[in-house]
Protein backbone atom coordinates (compact mmCIF):
# COMPACT_ATOMS: atom_id res chain seq x y z
CA UNK A 1 -58.59 -11.93 137.75
CA UNK A 2 -58.06 -10.75 133.94
CA UNK A 3 -60.27 -9.11 130.97
CA UNK A 4 -61.01 -10.37 127.87
CA UNK A 5 -62.07 -7.32 125.58
CA UNK A 6 -63.62 -9.75 122.21
CA UNK A 7 -64.06 -7.46 119.10
CA UNK A 8 -66.71 -8.96 116.82
CA UNK A 9 -66.14 -8.26 113.02
CA UNK A 10 -68.41 -8.87 110.64
CA UNK A 11 -66.75 -11.92 108.17
CA UNK A 12 -66.95 -11.32 104.04
CA UNK A 13 -69.99 -14.22 103.81
CA UNK A 14 -71.60 -12.80 106.77
CA UNK A 15 -75.20 -11.66 105.24
CA UNK A 16 -74.39 -8.21 106.67
CA UNK A 17 -71.96 -6.89 105.44
CA UNK A 18 -73.62 -8.92 101.62
CA UNK A 19 -76.24 -6.14 102.09
CA UNK A 20 -73.50 -3.53 102.86
CA UNK A 21 -71.81 -4.63 99.39
CA UNK A 22 -75.65 -5.41 97.28
CA UNK A 23 -75.97 -1.40 98.27
CA UNK A 24 -75.84 1.35 95.22
CA UNK A 25 -73.83 3.90 96.21
CA UNK A 26 -75.60 7.14 97.32
CA UNK A 27 -74.18 9.95 94.10
CA UNK A 28 -72.76 13.23 95.52
CA UNK A 29 -74.13 15.97 94.29
CA UNK A 30 -71.63 17.93 92.74
CA UNK A 31 -71.41 22.12 94.14
CA UNK A 32 -73.42 24.24 92.22
CA UNK A 33 -75.89 21.23 90.61
CA UNK A 34 -79.75 21.36 91.66
CA UNK A 35 -81.24 18.46 92.77
CA UNK A 36 -84.15 17.12 90.26
CA UNK A 37 -86.87 19.17 92.78
CA UNK A 38 -84.70 22.60 92.43
CA UNK A 39 -84.21 21.83 88.04
CA UNK A 40 -88.24 20.53 87.28
CA UNK A 41 -89.28 24.24 89.72
CA UNK A 42 -86.24 26.27 88.48
CA UNK A 43 -87.63 25.44 84.22
CA UNK A 44 -91.37 25.66 85.61
CA UNK A 45 -90.72 29.55 87.15
CA UNK A 46 -89.00 30.05 83.94
CA UNK A 47 -91.45 28.93 81.25
CA UNK A 48 -94.07 30.30 83.33
CA UNK A 49 -92.00 33.93 83.77
CA UNK A 50 -91.48 33.40 79.35
CA UNK A 51 -95.50 32.64 78.69
CA UNK A 52 -96.04 36.01 81.01
CA UNK A 53 -93.65 38.35 78.89
CA UNK A 54 -94.57 36.17 75.55
CA UNK A 55 -98.71 36.44 76.20
CA UNK A 56 -99.46 40.09 75.85
CA UNK A 57 -97.22 40.11 72.36
CA UNK A 58 -99.64 37.45 70.91
CA UNK A 59 -102.46 39.01 72.36
CA UNK A 60 -101.28 42.60 70.19
CA UNK A 61 -100.51 40.37 67.06
CA UNK A 62 -104.06 38.10 67.02
CA UNK A 63 -106.24 41.55 67.76
CA UNK A 64 -104.64 42.79 64.71
CA UNK A 65 -105.51 40.37 62.68
CA UNK A 66 -109.13 41.35 63.56
CA UNK A 67 -111.29 43.51 60.84
CA UNK A 68 -113.28 45.01 63.08
CA UNK A 69 -112.85 48.03 65.36
CA UNK A 70 -114.38 46.07 68.21
CA UNK A 71 -112.96 42.83 67.79
CA UNK A 72 -111.30 42.84 71.20
CA UNK A 73 -115.42 42.60 73.15
CA UNK A 74 -114.93 39.04 71.33
CA UNK A 75 -111.68 37.18 70.83
CA UNK A 76 -113.63 34.62 70.37
CA UNK A 77 -114.58 35.73 66.92
CA UNK A 78 -111.29 36.48 65.12
CA UNK A 79 -110.92 32.99 64.50
CA UNK A 80 -113.12 33.26 61.35
CA UNK A 81 -112.50 36.30 60.00
CA UNK A 82 -108.82 37.04 60.52
CA UNK A 83 -107.63 39.31 57.98
CA UNK A 84 -104.72 42.02 56.88
CA UNK A 85 -106.76 44.68 55.91
CA UNK A 86 -105.79 46.44 58.90
CA UNK A 87 -102.09 46.26 58.31
CA UNK A 88 -102.50 47.34 54.19
CA UNK A 89 -105.36 50.46 55.85
CA UNK A 90 -102.49 51.59 58.09
CA UNK A 91 -99.44 51.62 55.50
CA UNK A 92 -101.81 53.13 53.09
CA UNK A 93 -104.02 55.20 54.38
CA UNK A 94 -102.39 56.73 57.29
CA UNK A 95 -99.43 59.18 57.28
CA UNK A 96 -96.85 55.76 58.48
CA UNK A 97 -94.15 56.96 57.16
CA UNK A 98 -93.92 59.41 57.82
CA UNK A 99 -94.38 58.59 61.57
CA UNK A 100 -91.32 56.10 61.24
CA UNK A 101 -88.92 59.49 59.41
CA UNK A 102 -89.74 61.48 62.40
CA UNK A 103 -89.60 58.24 65.29
CA UNK A 104 -86.08 57.53 63.17
CA UNK A 105 -84.77 60.88 63.47
CA UNK A 106 -85.90 61.70 66.35
CA UNK A 107 -84.12 59.05 68.47
CA UNK A 108 -81.52 57.83 65.89
CA UNK A 109 -80.29 61.29 66.59
CA UNK A 110 -80.86 60.85 70.68
CA UNK A 111 -78.43 58.45 70.60
CA UNK A 112 -75.92 59.45 68.83
CA UNK A 113 -76.13 62.58 70.24
CA UNK A 114 -76.46 61.31 74.18
CA UNK A 115 -74.25 58.44 73.45
CA UNK A 116 -71.24 60.80 72.52
CA UNK A 117 -71.91 63.25 76.00
CA UNK A 118 -72.92 60.98 78.63
CA UNK A 119 -69.48 58.64 76.83
CA UNK A 120 -67.36 62.02 77.48
CA UNK A 121 -68.61 63.14 80.63
CA UNK A 122 -68.89 59.51 82.07
CA UNK A 123 -64.97 59.29 80.69
CA UNK A 124 -63.70 63.44 82.64
CA UNK A 125 -65.75 61.61 86.23
CA UNK A 126 -63.88 59.19 85.64
CA UNK A 127 -60.32 59.50 85.27
CA UNK A 128 -60.23 63.29 86.10
CA UNK A 129 -59.74 64.69 89.46
CA UNK A 130 -61.45 68.07 88.88
CA UNK A 131 -63.17 70.26 92.17
CA UNK A 132 -66.41 69.29 92.61
CA UNK A 133 -66.20 66.40 89.75
CA UNK A 134 -68.77 64.42 92.75
CA UNK A 135 -70.76 66.61 93.00
CA UNK A 136 -71.37 66.72 89.56
CA UNK A 137 -72.68 63.56 89.25
CA UNK A 138 -75.12 63.46 91.94
CA UNK A 139 -76.26 66.45 90.78
CA UNK A 140 -76.97 65.13 87.42
CA UNK A 141 -78.64 61.91 89.59
CA UNK A 142 -81.16 64.37 91.28
CA UNK A 143 -82.36 66.01 87.73
CA UNK A 144 -83.71 62.46 87.48
CA UNK A 145 -85.85 63.26 90.04
CA UNK A 146 -88.90 66.03 88.56
CA UNK A 147 -91.56 64.43 86.58
CA UNK A 148 -92.96 65.18 83.64
CA UNK A 149 -95.46 67.64 84.01
CA UNK A 150 -92.84 69.64 86.31
CA UNK A 151 -90.69 70.43 83.62
CA UNK A 152 -92.91 70.80 81.01
CA UNK A 153 -93.30 74.98 80.95
CA UNK A 154 -90.35 76.03 81.26
CA UNK A 155 -88.81 73.55 79.00
CA UNK A 156 -91.37 74.55 76.46
CA UNK A 157 -90.33 78.19 77.27
CA UNK A 158 -87.06 77.64 76.94
CA UNK A 159 -88.02 76.01 73.35
CA UNK A 160 -90.08 78.21 72.38
CA UNK A 161 -87.38 81.06 72.76
CA UNK A 162 -84.12 79.01 70.84
CA UNK A 163 -87.20 78.45 68.25
CA UNK A 164 -87.13 75.47 68.68
CA UNK A 165 -90.39 73.80 69.00
CA UNK A 166 -92.39 71.60 66.52
CA UNK A 167 -88.62 70.67 65.41
CA UNK A 168 -86.18 67.09 65.59
CA UNK A 169 -83.77 69.47 67.40
CA UNK A 170 -85.94 70.86 70.19
CA UNK A 171 -87.25 67.05 70.85
CA UNK A 172 -83.55 65.59 70.85
CA UNK A 173 -82.31 68.08 72.80
CA UNK A 174 -85.57 67.36 75.43
CA UNK A 175 -84.46 63.75 75.26
CA UNK A 176 -81.01 63.93 75.80
CA UNK A 177 -81.77 65.80 79.26
CA UNK A 178 -83.99 62.65 80.03
CA UNK A 179 -80.87 59.96 78.59
CA UNK A 180 -77.28 61.76 79.40
CA UNK A 181 -77.51 61.95 83.55
CA UNK A 182 -78.45 57.98 83.38
CA UNK A 183 -75.54 56.99 80.25
CA UNK A 184 -72.85 58.56 81.94
CA UNK A 185 -73.47 56.81 85.38
CA UNK A 186 -73.89 54.23 83.49
CA UNK A 187 -70.45 54.97 81.15
CA UNK A 188 -68.72 56.27 84.59
CA UNK A 189 -68.50 52.62 86.13
CA UNK A 190 -67.81 50.90 83.07
CA UNK A 191 -64.96 52.98 82.29
CA UNK A 192 -63.60 51.83 86.27
CA UNK A 193 -63.18 48.83 84.66
CA UNK A 194 -60.15 49.83 82.51
CA UNK A 195 -57.57 50.35 83.18
CA UNK A 196 -55.51 53.47 84.16
CA UNK A 197 -52.99 51.49 82.69
CA UNK A 198 -54.35 52.29 79.48
CA UNK A 199 -54.15 56.32 79.67
CA UNK A 200 -50.61 56.44 80.43
CA UNK A 201 -49.54 54.23 77.80
CA UNK A 202 -51.13 56.34 75.02
CA UNK A 203 -49.93 59.08 76.75
CA UNK A 204 -46.54 57.44 76.76
CA UNK A 205 -47.49 57.15 72.53
CA UNK A 206 -47.87 60.82 71.87
CA UNK A 207 -51.65 60.50 72.40
CA UNK A 208 -53.70 63.83 73.29
CA UNK A 209 -56.72 62.79 76.20
CA UNK A 210 -59.08 63.28 73.58
CA UNK A 211 -56.68 60.75 70.62
CA UNK A 212 -56.48 58.54 74.18
CA UNK A 213 -60.54 58.50 74.51
CA UNK A 214 -61.09 58.20 70.99
CA UNK A 215 -58.77 55.67 69.65
CA UNK A 216 -58.00 53.43 72.75
CA UNK A 217 -60.74 53.65 75.81
CA UNK A 218 -63.19 53.90 73.15
CA UNK A 219 -63.16 50.50 71.98
CA UNK A 220 -62.84 48.90 74.80
CA UNK A 221 -66.07 50.08 75.46
CA UNK A 222 -68.57 48.90 73.43
CA UNK A 223 -70.34 46.45 75.91
CA UNK A 224 -71.50 49.60 77.71
CA UNK A 225 -71.83 51.87 73.97
CA UNK A 226 -74.46 49.52 73.62
CA UNK A 227 -76.36 49.81 76.53
CA UNK A 228 -76.17 53.43 76.70
CA UNK A 229 -77.42 53.25 73.01
CA UNK A 230 -80.11 50.40 73.34
CA UNK A 231 -81.81 52.93 76.11
CA UNK A 232 -80.81 56.18 74.29
CA UNK A 233 -82.77 54.53 71.40
CA UNK A 234 -85.91 53.38 73.68
CA UNK A 235 -86.26 56.52 75.99
CA UNK A 236 -87.32 58.22 72.35
CA UNK A 237 -88.80 56.17 70.81
CA UNK A 238 -92.08 55.26 73.07
CA UNK A 239 -91.23 58.80 74.37
CA UNK A 240 -94.95 60.31 74.39
CA UNK A 241 -95.84 63.32 76.77
CA UNK A 242 -92.83 65.92 75.25
CA UNK A 243 -93.63 64.66 71.21
CA UNK A 244 -97.03 65.55 72.29
CA UNK A 245 -96.39 68.65 73.20
CA UNK A 246 -93.75 70.09 71.52
CA UNK A 247 -94.08 69.33 68.27
CA UNK A 248 -97.25 70.37 66.43
CA UNK A 249 -97.42 69.37 62.46
CA UNK A 250 -98.88 65.66 61.67
CA UNK A 251 -96.10 64.85 60.14
CA UNK A 252 -93.54 65.03 62.20
CA UNK A 253 -94.99 62.48 64.92
CA UNK A 254 -93.60 60.43 66.14
CA UNK A 255 -95.18 56.80 66.44
CA UNK A 256 -96.08 57.49 70.00
CA UNK A 257 -97.88 60.35 68.93
CA UNK A 258 -99.38 58.81 66.23
CA UNK A 259 -101.50 55.89 68.23
CA UNK A 260 -103.22 58.21 69.64
CA UNK A 261 -104.68 59.75 66.55
CA UNK A 262 -106.85 56.65 66.70
CA UNK A 263 -108.37 57.12 70.07
CA UNK A 264 -110.85 60.28 69.40
CA UNK A 265 -113.83 61.39 72.14
CA UNK A 266 -116.05 58.99 70.86
CA UNK A 267 -114.12 56.08 69.24
CA UNK A 268 -111.51 53.94 68.80
CA UNK A 269 -110.28 52.01 66.54
CA UNK A 270 -108.41 49.02 68.15
CA UNK A 271 -107.92 46.58 66.01
CA UNK A 272 -105.72 50.00 63.53
CA UNK A 273 -103.74 50.59 66.80
CA UNK A 274 -102.85 46.70 67.46
CA UNK A 275 -101.81 46.57 63.85
CA UNK A 276 -99.85 50.28 64.03
CA UNK A 277 -97.89 49.09 66.96
CA UNK A 278 -96.99 45.48 66.05
CA UNK A 279 -95.69 47.38 63.02
CA UNK A 280 -93.97 50.16 65.09
CA UNK A 281 -92.31 46.76 67.26
CA UNK A 282 -89.72 46.14 64.07
CA UNK A 283 -87.74 48.87 64.79
CA UNK A 284 -87.33 48.38 68.21
CA UNK A 285 -86.40 44.82 67.35
CA UNK A 286 -84.54 45.23 64.22
CA UNK A 287 -82.37 47.92 66.52
CA UNK A 288 -81.85 46.11 69.46
CA UNK A 289 -80.56 42.76 67.46
CA UNK A 290 -77.50 45.67 66.17
CA UNK A 291 -76.15 45.15 69.92
CA UNK A 292 -77.77 42.22 72.03
CA UNK A 293 -73.87 41.56 71.63
CA UNK A 294 -72.97 43.53 73.66
CA UNK A 295 -76.33 44.38 75.93
CA UNK A 296 -75.94 42.29 78.33
CA UNK A 297 -71.73 42.03 79.01
CA UNK A 298 -72.25 46.37 79.31
CA UNK A 299 -75.35 46.10 81.24
CA UNK A 300 -73.13 43.85 84.24
CA UNK A 301 -69.31 45.06 83.68
CA UNK A 302 -69.98 48.59 85.02
CA UNK A 303 -70.73 47.55 88.21
CA UNK A 304 -68.08 45.67 89.22
CA UNK A 305 -66.47 48.62 90.39
CA UNK A 306 -68.46 51.88 91.29
């Protein structure tokens, strides 16, 4: 007795075949492509993060338009009496431009000297194998562990011995002691990503080690130098503790110290502080605009090779 196996196939005009033909094809999501829900969630998070970042700036700008020093307690009243009188007072009745000159001298001096020292240090550790080069970088890192309160007294004594109290050079050197260790680590990591064959090519062409560094390596390290310059500039621009301790003349105050003059023991002119803070943000924004093209590249490039 034989067993017959019958295979039933769906006919082209059967109901099941017609249903399968009418069903839309399911779209396959490409690799790296987010779902609509994921895209909506990511955009929502970015919008909220942007609002959180911009709100303090908008709030400061809003308070700077209030004519009364107590308007921050009743911000709703500012809408009916907005004025630029605070900006006029700050520019005409305060040593704002003296603060501006002092801040630019100190910040740009720290940037130039700090980046120069950090670049040569980072390049030397990246290319030269002298005894203790690894420990040297760790020593630089350890210097960042001490708080400002601990460093204040010995630095004051050193500057007093050198007669650099109430001088721009003394404050620049103090800020370089903070900016150089971090920038040296940053630039060392960036120099590691530049092929060593470039140095060898420079030597074949007859360049000295410093000539190779200046003419071949530095042009390739512009993104890293931009990050180091921006960090050094911001470090000097917004620092308060050292500037208020080592600068004694009112005309040599930086912006960060000058802002404190609007707050006394019994009074606080917050409207003038807000207007000054808005004006202070202009130089930083201009400096950021100049280095923004290389800033992101420099922040990420140094992490590819340690």
